[in-house]
N, C-alpha and C. Protein backbone atom coordinates (compact mmCIF):
# COMPACT_ATOMS: atom_id res chain seq x y z
N MET A 1 52.70 -116.55 44.12
CA MET A 1 53.34 -115.18 44.01
C MET A 1 52.30 -114.08 43.56
N ALA A 2 51.70 -114.42 42.48
CA ALA A 2 50.76 -113.47 41.75
C ALA A 2 49.68 -113.15 42.91
N SER A 3 49.19 -114.06 43.41
CA SER A 3 48.13 -113.84 44.43
C SER A 3 48.52 -113.11 45.55
N SER A 4 49.80 -113.16 46.12
CA SER A 4 50.30 -112.44 47.06
C SER A 4 50.38 -111.07 46.93
N ALA A 5 50.82 -110.72 45.56
CA ALA A 5 51.04 -109.32 45.05
C ALA A 5 49.66 -108.66 44.86
N THR A 6 48.57 -109.46 44.41
CA THR A 6 47.36 -109.12 44.49
C THR A 6 46.64 -108.58 45.66
N LEU A 7 47.04 -109.43 46.77
CA LEU A 7 46.35 -109.15 48.08
C LEU A 7 47.12 -107.92 48.87
N LEU A 8 48.42 -107.77 48.50
CA LEU A 8 49.19 -106.71 48.99
C LEU A 8 48.66 -105.35 48.28
N THR A 9 48.28 -105.32 46.92
CA THR A 9 47.71 -104.34 46.24
C THR A 9 46.50 -103.87 46.88
N SER A 10 45.54 -104.91 47.13
CA SER A 10 44.11 -104.58 47.60
C SER A 10 44.32 -103.97 49.02
N GLU A 11 45.29 -104.48 49.95
CA GLU A 11 45.24 -104.02 51.10
C GLU A 11 45.69 -102.50 51.17
N ARG A 12 46.67 -102.20 50.28
CA ARG A 12 47.11 -100.77 50.21
C ARG A 12 45.87 -99.87 49.61
N ALA A 13 45.23 -100.39 48.59
CA ALA A 13 43.87 -99.75 48.14
C ALA A 13 42.80 -99.43 49.07
N LEU A 14 42.73 -100.32 50.06
CA LEU A 14 41.79 -100.15 51.27
C LEU A 14 42.22 -99.13 52.13
N ALA A 15 43.65 -99.11 52.53
CA ALA A 15 44.16 -98.21 53.41
C ALA A 15 44.08 -96.87 52.74
N ASP A 16 44.19 -96.55 51.40
CA ASP A 16 44.20 -95.32 50.78
C ASP A 16 42.80 -94.85 50.94
N GLU A 17 41.77 -95.71 50.91
CA GLU A 17 40.39 -95.31 51.12
C GLU A 17 39.84 -95.05 52.31
N SER A 18 40.52 -95.49 53.36
CA SER A 18 40.31 -95.28 54.72
C SER A 18 40.46 -93.90 55.30
N PRO A 19 39.60 -93.29 55.88
CA PRO A 19 39.90 -92.08 56.39
C PRO A 19 41.05 -91.79 57.50
N GLU A 20 41.76 -90.99 57.45
CA GLU A 20 42.85 -90.65 58.40
C GLU A 20 42.84 -89.43 59.05
N TYR A 21 42.43 -89.37 60.36
CA TYR A 21 42.43 -88.05 60.89
C TYR A 21 43.53 -87.70 61.68
N GLY A 22 44.56 -87.17 61.24
CA GLY A 22 45.87 -86.91 61.91
C GLY A 22 45.76 -85.51 62.58
N GLU A 23 46.96 -85.16 63.11
CA GLU A 23 46.95 -83.98 64.14
C GLU A 23 46.56 -82.59 63.44
N ASP A 24 46.45 -82.74 61.99
CA ASP A 24 46.17 -81.48 61.32
C ASP A 24 44.84 -81.60 60.86
N PHE A 25 43.96 -82.36 61.44
CA PHE A 25 42.66 -82.54 60.72
C PHE A 25 41.70 -81.19 60.92
N LEU A 26 41.95 -80.42 62.01
CA LEU A 26 41.09 -79.42 62.38
C LEU A 26 41.81 -78.08 61.91
N ASP A 27 43.16 -78.20 61.23
CA ASP A 27 43.78 -76.99 60.79
C ASP A 27 43.01 -76.21 59.76
N GLY A 28 42.74 -74.93 59.82
CA GLY A 28 41.99 -74.09 58.96
C GLY A 28 40.74 -73.57 59.61
N PHE A 29 39.82 -73.13 58.71
CA PHE A 29 38.74 -72.27 59.10
C PHE A 29 37.50 -73.20 58.82
N SER A 30 36.61 -73.19 59.94
CA SER A 30 35.29 -74.00 59.72
C SER A 30 34.28 -73.21 60.42
N GLU A 31 32.96 -73.62 60.02
CA GLU A 31 31.75 -73.00 60.48
C GLU A 31 30.97 -74.01 61.39
N ARG A 32 30.32 -73.66 62.46
CA ARG A 32 29.81 -74.43 63.44
C ARG A 32 28.18 -74.13 63.63
N LEU A 33 27.34 -75.04 63.77
CA LEU A 33 25.93 -74.87 64.11
C LEU A 33 25.51 -75.88 65.15
N GLY A 34 24.84 -75.48 66.24
CA GLY A 34 24.35 -76.47 67.14
C GLY A 34 23.45 -75.93 68.07
N MET A 35 23.35 -76.66 69.34
CA MET A 35 22.37 -76.32 70.39
C MET A 35 23.14 -76.34 71.78
N ASN A 36 22.51 -75.52 72.55
CA ASN A 36 23.35 -75.37 74.01
C ASN A 36 22.12 -75.39 74.95
N GLY A 37 22.62 -75.65 76.19
CA GLY A 37 21.60 -75.53 77.34
C GLY A 37 22.42 -75.64 78.72
N GLY A 38 21.79 -75.32 79.69
CA GLY A 38 22.41 -75.54 81.01
C GLY A 38 21.35 -74.62 82.20
N THR A 39 22.31 -74.08 82.90
CA THR A 39 21.64 -73.39 84.18
C THR A 39 21.92 -71.87 83.99
N MET A 40 20.95 -71.08 84.43
CA MET A 40 21.22 -69.74 84.61
C MET A 40 21.60 -69.35 86.15
N LEU A 41 22.46 -68.35 86.18
CA LEU A 41 22.94 -67.93 87.74
C LEU A 41 22.76 -66.41 87.77
N PHE A 42 21.72 -65.89 88.16
CA PHE A 42 21.56 -64.48 88.25
C PHE A 42 22.05 -64.02 89.68
N ARG A 43 23.08 -63.15 89.67
CA ARG A 43 23.49 -62.66 90.97
C ARG A 43 23.11 -61.29 91.20
N ASP A 44 21.75 -61.02 91.45
CA ASP A 44 21.23 -59.58 91.47
C ASP A 44 21.59 -58.67 90.39
N ALA A 45 21.52 -59.42 89.08
CA ALA A 45 21.79 -58.70 87.85
C ALA A 45 20.95 -57.41 87.67
N ALA A 46 21.33 -56.40 87.56
CA ALA A 46 20.61 -55.18 87.29
C ALA A 46 19.92 -54.94 85.88
N VAL A 47 18.71 -54.57 86.02
CA VAL A 47 17.93 -54.65 84.86
C VAL A 47 17.48 -53.09 84.50
N THR A 48 17.83 -52.74 83.26
CA THR A 48 17.58 -51.20 83.03
C THR A 48 16.69 -51.07 81.68
N SER A 49 16.23 -50.07 81.51
CA SER A 49 15.48 -49.82 80.33
C SER A 49 15.82 -48.64 79.51
N SER A 50 15.74 -48.78 78.22
CA SER A 50 16.39 -47.64 77.35
C SER A 50 15.29 -46.61 77.04
N LYS A 51 14.02 -46.96 77.42
CA LYS A 51 13.05 -45.86 77.52
C LYS A 51 12.69 -45.44 78.99
N SER A 52 12.15 -44.30 78.85
CA SER A 52 11.58 -43.66 80.27
C SER A 52 10.33 -44.54 80.71
N PRO A 53 10.71 -45.17 81.99
CA PRO A 53 9.59 -46.09 82.50
C PRO A 53 8.42 -45.36 82.94
N PRO A 54 7.30 -45.88 83.29
CA PRO A 54 6.13 -45.00 83.80
C PRO A 54 6.63 -44.60 85.23
N PRO A 55 6.09 -43.38 85.68
CA PRO A 55 6.37 -42.84 87.04
C PRO A 55 6.36 -43.73 88.07
N VAL A 56 5.47 -44.73 88.01
CA VAL A 56 5.29 -45.76 89.18
C VAL A 56 6.43 -46.77 89.10
N LEU A 57 7.26 -46.82 88.16
CA LEU A 57 8.47 -47.68 88.04
C LEU A 57 9.70 -47.08 88.19
N ALA A 58 9.63 -45.84 88.44
CA ALA A 58 10.92 -45.05 88.31
C ALA A 58 12.06 -45.35 89.34
N ASP A 59 11.53 -45.82 90.43
CA ASP A 59 12.30 -46.23 91.58
C ASP A 59 12.20 -47.66 91.94
N ALA A 60 11.76 -48.43 90.80
CA ALA A 60 11.61 -50.01 91.11
C ALA A 60 12.84 -50.68 91.49
N ASP A 61 13.99 -50.32 90.79
CA ASP A 61 15.40 -50.96 90.84
C ASP A 61 15.19 -52.35 90.60
N PHE A 62 14.76 -52.83 89.42
CA PHE A 62 14.61 -54.17 88.95
C PHE A 62 15.95 -54.95 89.10
N ARG A 63 15.85 -56.10 89.24
CA ARG A 63 16.95 -57.10 89.39
C ARG A 63 16.62 -58.53 89.12
N LEU A 64 17.39 -59.27 88.56
CA LEU A 64 17.21 -60.71 88.24
C LEU A 64 17.94 -61.37 89.36
N HIS A 65 17.18 -62.41 89.93
CA HIS A 65 18.02 -62.98 91.06
C HIS A 65 17.54 -64.49 91.02
N GLY A 66 18.52 -65.34 91.53
CA GLY A 66 18.28 -66.62 91.69
C GLY A 66 18.83 -67.52 90.41
N GLY A 67 18.32 -68.79 90.43
CA GLY A 67 18.71 -69.76 89.31
C GLY A 67 17.57 -69.93 88.39
N GLY A 68 17.85 -70.78 87.41
CA GLY A 68 16.99 -70.99 86.30
C GLY A 68 17.68 -71.96 85.21
N SER A 69 17.06 -71.96 84.03
CA SER A 69 17.73 -72.97 83.02
C SER A 69 17.46 -72.11 81.71
N PHE A 70 18.10 -72.64 80.82
CA PHE A 70 18.03 -72.16 79.32
C PHE A 70 18.41 -73.19 78.36
N VAL A 71 17.61 -73.05 77.18
CA VAL A 71 17.92 -73.79 76.02
C VAL A 71 18.07 -73.00 74.64
N GLY A 72 18.88 -73.22 73.83
CA GLY A 72 18.92 -72.06 72.72
C GLY A 72 19.83 -72.85 71.57
N GLY A 73 19.98 -72.07 70.53
CA GLY A 73 20.90 -72.40 69.47
C GLY A 73 22.09 -71.53 69.27
N VAL A 74 23.16 -72.04 68.58
CA VAL A 74 24.50 -71.50 68.62
C VAL A 74 25.00 -71.60 67.22
N ILE A 75 25.58 -70.39 66.74
CA ILE A 75 26.38 -70.51 65.41
C ILE A 75 27.57 -69.89 65.85
N GLY A 76 28.85 -70.64 65.18
CA GLY A 76 30.09 -70.17 65.45
C GLY A 76 31.17 -70.43 64.35
N PHE A 77 32.29 -69.78 64.38
CA PHE A 77 33.41 -69.95 63.48
C PHE A 77 34.68 -70.28 64.29
N LEU A 78 35.47 -71.22 63.64
CA LEU A 78 36.73 -71.78 64.31
C LEU A 78 37.81 -71.59 63.40
N TRP A 79 38.97 -71.14 63.82
CA TRP A 79 40.14 -71.31 63.27
C TRP A 79 41.25 -71.95 64.17
N VAL A 80 41.86 -72.88 63.58
CA VAL A 80 42.81 -73.59 64.25
C VAL A 80 44.12 -73.70 63.61
N THR A 81 45.25 -73.45 64.17
CA THR A 81 46.57 -73.38 63.47
C THR A 81 47.57 -73.91 64.61
N LYS A 82 48.21 -74.68 64.18
CA LYS A 82 49.35 -75.39 65.16
C LYS A 82 48.85 -75.67 66.53
N GLY A 83 47.80 -76.24 66.61
CA GLY A 83 47.11 -76.82 67.92
C GLY A 83 46.36 -75.49 68.76
N PHE A 84 46.42 -74.47 68.17
CA PHE A 84 45.72 -73.25 68.92
C PHE A 84 44.47 -73.09 68.23
N ARG A 85 43.36 -72.77 69.03
CA ARG A 85 42.01 -72.49 68.83
C ARG A 85 41.68 -71.10 69.02
N PHE A 86 41.04 -70.48 67.73
CA PHE A 86 40.53 -69.29 67.89
C PHE A 86 39.01 -69.19 67.39
N SER A 87 38.07 -68.87 68.38
CA SER A 87 36.65 -68.97 67.92
C SER A 87 35.83 -67.85 68.12
N LEU A 88 34.70 -67.69 67.45
CA LEU A 88 33.68 -66.75 67.63
C LEU A 88 32.36 -67.40 67.78
N ASP A 89 31.67 -67.20 68.89
CA ASP A 89 30.38 -67.73 68.91
C ASP A 89 29.25 -66.84 69.18
N GLU A 90 28.03 -67.13 68.64
CA GLU A 90 26.83 -66.47 68.97
C GLU A 90 25.72 -67.22 69.26
N SER A 91 25.05 -66.93 70.50
CA SER A 91 24.18 -67.80 70.86
C SER A 91 22.91 -67.00 71.23
N PHE A 92 21.52 -67.71 70.90
CA PHE A 92 20.23 -67.13 71.29
C PHE A 92 19.59 -68.23 72.00
N TYR A 93 18.99 -67.75 73.19
CA TYR A 93 18.44 -68.85 74.05
C TYR A 93 17.15 -68.32 74.73
N GLY A 94 16.29 -69.08 75.24
CA GLY A 94 15.32 -68.80 76.20
C GLY A 94 15.47 -69.01 77.55
N PRO A 95 15.59 -68.14 78.52
CA PRO A 95 15.94 -68.38 79.85
C PRO A 95 14.55 -68.51 80.64
N SER A 96 14.64 -69.15 81.69
CA SER A 96 13.37 -69.36 82.54
C SER A 96 13.78 -69.58 84.01
N GLY A 97 12.94 -69.47 84.95
CA GLY A 97 13.07 -69.81 86.23
C GLY A 97 13.52 -68.83 87.28
N ALA A 98 14.06 -67.63 86.71
CA ALA A 98 14.65 -66.39 87.62
C ALA A 98 13.54 -65.63 88.17
N ALA A 99 13.79 -65.05 89.29
CA ALA A 99 12.67 -64.06 90.00
C ALA A 99 13.21 -62.68 89.59
N LEU A 100 12.28 -61.83 89.21
CA LEU A 100 12.36 -60.46 89.17
C LEU A 100 11.90 -59.89 90.24
N VAL A 101 13.13 -59.11 91.10
CA VAL A 101 12.96 -58.81 92.24
C VAL A 101 12.99 -57.08 92.22
N HIS A 102 12.35 -56.41 93.19
CA HIS A 102 12.29 -54.99 93.00
C HIS A 102 11.90 -54.26 94.41
N ASN A 103 12.03 -53.06 94.50
CA ASN A 103 11.54 -52.37 95.53
C ASN A 103 10.00 -52.23 95.70
N PRO A 104 9.50 -52.04 97.02
CA PRO A 104 8.16 -51.82 97.05
C PRO A 104 7.58 -50.79 96.14
N LEU A 105 6.34 -51.12 95.47
CA LEU A 105 5.73 -50.25 94.49
C LEU A 105 4.34 -49.72 94.88
N GLY A 106 4.06 -49.73 96.19
CA GLY A 106 2.76 -49.25 96.58
C GLY A 106 1.53 -49.84 96.21
N GLY A 107 1.59 -51.14 96.15
CA GLY A 107 0.30 -51.95 95.69
C GLY A 107 0.29 -52.24 94.41
N VAL A 108 1.14 -51.63 93.46
CA VAL A 108 1.19 -51.94 92.11
C VAL A 108 1.93 -53.32 91.81
N GLY A 109 1.37 -54.11 91.00
CA GLY A 109 2.12 -55.32 90.73
C GLY A 109 2.77 -55.16 89.27
N VAL A 110 3.84 -56.08 89.18
CA VAL A 110 4.60 -56.23 88.03
C VAL A 110 4.92 -57.65 87.64
N SER A 111 5.12 -57.97 86.46
CA SER A 111 5.42 -59.32 86.06
C SER A 111 6.29 -59.27 84.82
N GLY A 112 7.08 -60.21 84.86
CA GLY A 112 8.00 -60.33 83.50
C GLY A 112 7.66 -61.31 82.56
N SER A 113 7.84 -61.20 81.33
CA SER A 113 7.50 -61.94 80.25
C SER A 113 8.39 -61.92 78.97
N LYS A 114 8.30 -62.67 78.02
CA LYS A 114 8.90 -62.64 76.81
C LYS A 114 10.41 -62.32 76.88
N ALA A 115 10.93 -63.17 77.95
CA ALA A 115 12.50 -63.16 78.05
C ALA A 115 13.15 -63.75 76.97
N TYR A 116 14.28 -63.44 76.57
CA TYR A 116 15.25 -63.99 75.53
C TYR A 116 16.65 -63.52 76.12
N GLY A 117 17.66 -64.34 75.65
CA GLY A 117 18.98 -64.24 76.11
C GLY A 117 19.78 -64.23 74.78
N PHE A 118 21.02 -63.46 74.81
CA PHE A 118 22.07 -63.43 73.53
C PHE A 118 23.31 -63.50 74.34
N GLU A 119 24.23 -64.06 73.56
CA GLU A 119 25.72 -64.07 74.02
C GLU A 119 26.42 -64.04 72.73
N ALA A 120 27.63 -63.24 72.83
CA ALA A 120 28.62 -63.32 71.78
C ALA A 120 29.84 -63.27 72.43
N SER A 121 30.67 -64.28 72.04
CA SER A 121 31.92 -64.39 72.76
C SER A 121 33.19 -64.59 71.96
N LEU A 122 34.37 -64.30 72.12
CA LEU A 122 35.61 -64.87 71.55
C LEU A 122 36.38 -65.83 72.37
N GLY A 123 36.86 -66.84 71.89
CA GLY A 123 37.45 -67.90 72.41
C GLY A 123 38.97 -68.21 72.14
N VAL A 124 39.86 -68.41 73.08
CA VAL A 124 41.05 -68.82 72.77
C VAL A 124 41.46 -70.09 73.61
N GLY A 125 41.93 -71.04 72.83
CA GLY A 125 42.30 -72.32 73.64
C GLY A 125 43.39 -73.02 72.81
N LYS A 126 43.74 -74.19 73.50
CA LYS A 126 44.67 -75.17 73.21
C LYS A 126 43.97 -76.42 72.83
N GLN A 127 44.32 -77.18 71.88
CA GLN A 127 43.78 -78.54 71.60
C GLN A 127 45.04 -79.61 71.51
N PHE A 128 44.53 -80.94 71.83
CA PHE A 128 45.52 -81.80 71.82
C PHE A 128 45.15 -83.04 70.92
N TYR A 129 45.89 -83.92 70.74
CA TYR A 129 45.51 -85.13 69.82
C TYR A 129 45.80 -86.23 70.66
N PHE A 130 44.60 -87.18 70.58
CA PHE A 130 44.67 -88.46 71.25
C PHE A 130 43.85 -89.56 70.58
N GLU A 131 44.65 -90.44 69.88
CA GLU A 131 43.94 -91.53 69.26
C GLU A 131 42.79 -90.92 68.16
N GLY A 132 43.03 -90.08 67.62
CA GLY A 132 42.17 -89.73 66.64
C GLY A 132 41.07 -88.65 67.00
N PHE A 133 41.14 -88.13 68.23
CA PHE A 133 40.19 -87.33 68.85
C PHE A 133 40.91 -86.04 69.31
N PHE A 134 40.29 -85.02 69.54
CA PHE A 134 40.86 -83.73 69.84
C PHE A 134 40.35 -83.08 71.08
N PRO A 135 40.80 -83.54 72.30
CA PRO A 135 40.36 -82.86 73.48
C PRO A 135 41.02 -81.40 73.56
N TYR A 136 40.35 -80.45 74.22
CA TYR A 136 40.83 -78.97 74.30
C TYR A 136 40.40 -78.30 75.51
N VAL A 137 40.99 -77.33 75.89
CA VAL A 137 40.47 -76.21 76.88
C VAL A 137 40.45 -74.98 76.23
N GLU A 138 39.69 -74.09 76.64
CA GLU A 138 39.18 -72.85 76.06
C GLU A 138 38.86 -71.74 77.14
N VAL A 139 38.99 -70.54 76.75
CA VAL A 139 38.58 -69.37 77.73
C VAL A 139 37.82 -68.53 76.84
N HIS A 140 36.52 -68.22 77.12
CA HIS A 140 35.68 -67.37 76.38
C HIS A 140 35.46 -65.96 77.10
N GLY A 141 35.37 -64.93 76.26
CA GLY A 141 35.12 -63.65 76.90
C GLY A 141 34.22 -62.86 75.98
N GLY A 142 33.26 -62.09 76.45
CA GLY A 142 32.26 -61.33 75.52
C GLY A 142 31.26 -60.70 76.27
N LEU A 143 30.01 -60.57 75.74
CA LEU A 143 28.98 -59.90 76.12
C LEU A 143 27.81 -60.96 76.51
N SER A 144 27.21 -60.84 77.47
CA SER A 144 25.94 -61.64 78.01
C SER A 144 24.85 -60.54 78.17
N LEU A 145 23.62 -60.83 77.40
CA LEU A 145 22.60 -60.01 77.48
C LEU A 145 21.17 -60.87 77.68
N VAL A 146 20.37 -60.45 78.58
CA VAL A 146 19.09 -60.96 78.89
C VAL A 146 18.06 -59.75 78.76
N ALA A 147 17.06 -59.93 77.94
CA ALA A 147 16.01 -58.98 77.75
C ALA A 147 14.70 -59.61 78.16
N LEU A 148 13.90 -58.77 78.71
CA LEU A 148 12.56 -59.02 79.10
C LEU A 148 11.41 -57.93 79.05
N GLN A 149 10.11 -58.14 79.02
CA GLN A 149 9.13 -57.18 78.93
C GLN A 149 8.44 -57.23 80.32
N VAL A 150 8.39 -55.96 81.12
CA VAL A 150 7.85 -55.85 82.29
C VAL A 150 6.54 -55.36 82.14
N SER A 151 5.33 -56.03 82.70
CA SER A 151 4.05 -55.56 82.65
C SER A 151 3.66 -54.93 83.99
N VAL A 152 2.99 -53.76 83.93
CA VAL A 152 2.39 -53.17 85.18
C VAL A 152 1.02 -53.55 85.33
N ASP A 153 0.75 -54.04 86.59
CA ASP A 153 -0.64 -54.46 86.98
C ASP A 153 -1.25 -53.61 88.18
N VAL A 154 -2.41 -53.11 87.83
CA VAL A 154 -3.05 -52.51 88.85
C VAL A 154 -4.38 -53.17 89.37
N PRO A 155 -4.41 -53.42 90.68
CA PRO A 155 -5.72 -54.19 91.27
C PRO A 155 -6.97 -53.58 90.74
N GLY A 156 -7.78 -54.40 90.21
CA GLY A 156 -9.06 -54.00 89.69
C GLY A 156 -8.95 -53.55 88.15
N LEU A 157 -7.87 -53.30 87.59
CA LEU A 157 -7.73 -52.83 86.32
C LEU A 157 -6.91 -53.92 85.42
N GLY A 158 -6.05 -54.56 86.01
CA GLY A 158 -5.28 -55.43 85.29
C GLY A 158 -4.06 -54.81 84.75
N SER A 159 -3.58 -55.31 83.47
CA SER A 159 -2.40 -54.64 82.88
C SER A 159 -2.70 -53.54 82.41
N VAL A 160 -1.68 -52.26 82.73
CA VAL A 160 -2.21 -51.11 82.21
C VAL A 160 -0.77 -50.60 81.43
N GLY A 161 0.04 -51.47 81.03
CA GLY A 161 1.28 -51.12 80.36
C GLY A 161 2.32 -52.08 80.40
N GLN A 162 3.27 -51.81 79.40
CA GLN A 162 4.42 -52.74 79.43
C GLN A 162 5.89 -51.77 79.17
N ASN A 163 6.96 -52.20 79.46
CA ASN A 163 8.18 -51.60 79.15
C ASN A 163 9.22 -52.69 79.03
N ASP A 164 10.21 -52.45 78.06
CA ASP A 164 11.21 -53.35 77.82
C ASP A 164 12.48 -52.94 78.65
N TYR A 165 12.91 -54.09 79.29
CA TYR A 165 14.20 -54.04 80.01
C TYR A 165 15.22 -55.03 79.79
N LYS A 166 16.38 -54.75 80.05
CA LYS A 166 17.55 -55.65 79.66
C LYS A 166 18.50 -55.65 80.69
N SER A 167 19.42 -56.57 80.79
CA SER A 167 20.44 -56.79 81.69
C SER A 167 21.67 -57.25 80.93
N ALA A 168 22.65 -56.43 80.89
CA ALA A 168 23.83 -56.82 80.12
C ALA A 168 25.14 -56.91 81.04
N ARG A 169 25.88 -57.88 80.75
CA ARG A 169 26.99 -58.10 81.66
C ARG A 169 28.25 -58.76 80.76
N PHE A 170 29.51 -58.50 81.35
CA PHE A 170 30.56 -59.07 80.60
C PHE A 170 30.49 -60.69 81.01
N LEU A 171 31.02 -61.34 79.91
CA LEU A 171 31.05 -62.78 80.06
C LEU A 171 32.56 -63.29 80.17
N LEU A 172 32.86 -64.31 80.98
CA LEU A 172 34.17 -64.83 81.21
C LEU A 172 33.74 -66.26 81.52
N ALA A 173 34.29 -67.19 80.72
CA ALA A 173 33.85 -68.61 80.86
C ALA A 173 34.83 -69.65 80.42
N PRO A 174 35.44 -70.48 81.21
CA PRO A 174 36.36 -71.35 80.85
C PRO A 174 35.57 -72.60 80.38
N ARG A 175 36.10 -73.45 79.38
CA ARG A 175 35.53 -74.59 78.85
C ARG A 175 36.38 -75.61 78.55
N VAL A 176 36.02 -76.90 78.56
CA VAL A 176 36.65 -78.17 78.27
C VAL A 176 35.71 -78.82 77.19
N GLY A 177 36.51 -79.37 76.33
CA GLY A 177 35.66 -80.05 75.14
C GLY A 177 36.44 -81.08 74.52
N ILE A 178 35.83 -81.68 73.53
CA ILE A 178 36.33 -82.68 72.64
C ILE A 178 35.69 -82.56 71.16
N VAL A 179 36.68 -82.83 70.23
CA VAL A 179 36.11 -82.90 68.78
C VAL A 179 36.31 -84.16 68.34
N VAL A 180 35.27 -84.69 67.63
CA VAL A 180 35.19 -86.09 67.02
C VAL A 180 35.00 -85.91 65.69
N PRO A 181 35.96 -86.35 64.91
CA PRO A 181 35.97 -86.34 63.50
C PRO A 181 34.81 -87.39 62.91
N LEU A 182 34.01 -86.96 62.01
CA LEU A 182 32.93 -87.73 61.46
C LEU A 182 33.20 -88.01 59.89
N ALA A 183 33.76 -87.08 59.16
CA ALA A 183 34.09 -87.28 57.93
C ALA A 183 35.25 -86.44 57.60
N ARG A 184 35.80 -86.46 56.43
CA ARG A 184 37.02 -85.69 56.02
C ARG A 184 36.69 -84.24 56.17
N ALA A 185 35.51 -83.64 56.17
CA ALA A 185 35.28 -82.25 56.08
C ALA A 185 34.11 -82.02 57.25
N LEU A 186 33.94 -82.88 58.13
CA LEU A 186 32.85 -82.79 59.14
C LEU A 186 33.36 -83.27 60.56
N TYR A 187 32.78 -82.51 61.57
CA TYR A 187 33.18 -83.08 62.93
C TYR A 187 32.13 -82.61 63.88
N LEU A 188 32.04 -83.29 65.04
CA LEU A 188 31.18 -82.91 66.27
C LEU A 188 32.09 -82.42 67.37
N ASP A 189 31.74 -81.15 67.69
CA ASP A 189 32.31 -80.36 68.89
C ASP A 189 31.37 -80.33 69.96
N THR A 190 31.73 -80.97 71.09
CA THR A 190 31.05 -80.95 72.25
C THR A 190 31.84 -80.42 73.47
N SER A 191 31.25 -79.48 74.19
CA SER A 191 32.08 -78.72 75.22
C SER A 191 31.11 -78.49 76.35
N ALA A 192 31.75 -78.28 77.66
CA ALA A 192 30.95 -77.81 78.77
C ALA A 192 31.88 -76.82 79.55
N GLY A 193 31.14 -75.91 80.22
CA GLY A 193 31.87 -74.76 80.88
C GLY A 193 31.04 -74.19 82.07
N PHE A 194 31.64 -73.20 82.75
CA PHE A 194 31.06 -72.56 83.76
C PHE A 194 31.31 -71.06 83.60
N ALA A 195 30.32 -70.06 83.64
CA ALA A 195 30.60 -68.72 83.56
C ALA A 195 30.85 -68.24 84.82
N ALA A 196 32.22 -67.76 84.99
CA ALA A 196 32.67 -66.98 86.17
C ALA A 196 32.24 -65.62 86.15
N LEU A 197 31.86 -64.99 84.95
CA LEU A 197 30.98 -63.77 84.81
C LEU A 197 30.07 -63.82 83.68
N GLY A 198 28.88 -63.17 83.91
CA GLY A 198 27.82 -63.53 83.00
C GLY A 198 26.53 -63.80 83.54
N HIS A 199 25.65 -64.31 82.80
CA HIS A 199 24.33 -64.71 83.36
C HIS A 199 24.27 -66.34 83.52
N GLN A 200 24.79 -66.96 82.77
CA GLN A 200 24.81 -68.43 82.74
C GLN A 200 25.63 -69.08 83.94
N GLY A 201 25.26 -70.24 84.23
CA GLY A 201 26.06 -71.10 85.24
C GLY A 201 26.75 -71.98 84.37
N VAL A 202 26.21 -73.24 84.58
CA VAL A 202 26.84 -74.53 83.87
C VAL A 202 26.31 -74.52 82.60
N MET A 203 27.03 -74.79 81.35
CA MET A 203 26.70 -74.76 80.06
C MET A 203 27.18 -75.98 79.46
N VAL A 204 26.30 -76.67 78.68
CA VAL A 204 26.75 -77.67 77.80
C VAL A 204 26.54 -77.49 76.35
N GLN A 205 27.37 -77.65 75.45
CA GLN A 205 27.03 -77.17 74.11
C GLN A 205 27.49 -78.40 73.04
N SER A 206 26.86 -78.59 71.91
CA SER A 206 27.18 -79.57 71.09
C SER A 206 26.94 -79.00 69.63
N MET A 207 28.06 -78.92 68.84
CA MET A 207 27.92 -78.33 67.46
C MET A 207 28.51 -79.15 66.44
N LEU A 208 27.87 -79.14 65.31
CA LEU A 208 28.37 -79.75 64.04
C LEU A 208 29.20 -78.77 63.18
N GLY A 209 30.39 -79.10 62.97
CA GLY A 209 31.23 -78.20 62.16
C GLY A 209 31.68 -78.88 60.92
N PHE A 210 31.73 -78.00 59.86
CA PHE A 210 32.03 -78.19 58.71
C PHE A 210 33.10 -77.18 58.06
N PHE A 211 34.02 -77.61 57.36
CA PHE A 211 35.27 -76.77 56.86
C PHE A 211 34.79 -75.83 55.81
N VAL A 212 35.21 -74.71 55.79
CA VAL A 212 35.19 -73.60 54.68
C VAL A 212 36.52 -73.76 54.17
N PHE A 213 37.59 -73.78 54.91
CA PHE A 213 39.02 -73.79 54.33
C PHE A 213 39.78 -74.77 55.29
N ASN A 214 40.33 -75.69 54.60
CA ASN A 214 41.34 -76.67 55.39
C ASN A 214 42.39 -76.95 54.40
N PRO A 215 43.69 -76.46 54.63
CA PRO A 215 44.90 -76.65 53.82
C PRO A 215 45.21 -78.02 53.60
N SER A 216 44.91 -78.94 54.43
CA SER A 216 45.14 -80.50 54.33
C SER A 216 44.32 -81.13 53.44
N ARG A 217 43.24 -80.44 53.01
CA ARG A 217 42.13 -81.04 52.04
C ARG A 217 42.47 -80.77 50.56
N TRP A 218 43.38 -79.53 50.47
CA TRP A 218 43.63 -79.31 48.96
C TRP A 218 45.12 -79.38 48.83
């Protein structure tokens, strides 16, 4: 009888030490850091300069066109309450592969370099609970920005100057994802989406999240 009581006590102690990730695991405020990557999809995106361009570029009408790819880093914040997700993400990335198209420039050549991208978005979504995991759907809206440096090349002289250009667009992107708990205050958030508006096409993102405030932990 004593041995049975000891065994029952040990089983209860083991159960108390085992992590339990219930439906309220993500409730609260958390910070996330990670990486993202995917395809770029430029739909004749207008490129403008905040400075006065050289006269030879005044009527260039620069545009970014075609596909490409990107890899970058992302930082974000997430608030979850009653199964609803509210997020803020900021992403910095390096785009490649797109073509810089323009009007004829009378024999003067141009080339783009030092390109980088930035996105800031607010997300609203709904998460679900299934066997300790949290699949979800979200919609993100915000600002998408791609910047680059355009060099002017004159035959026989080479590069004779540079000017900074940027392309800014509104961002609208639905996403699906899943959160995998790793510890009582740590989780992995992986998602994929497609930008209906913006510069990106297909995007895959993976972020490590840690809780800043979670009412179920205190």
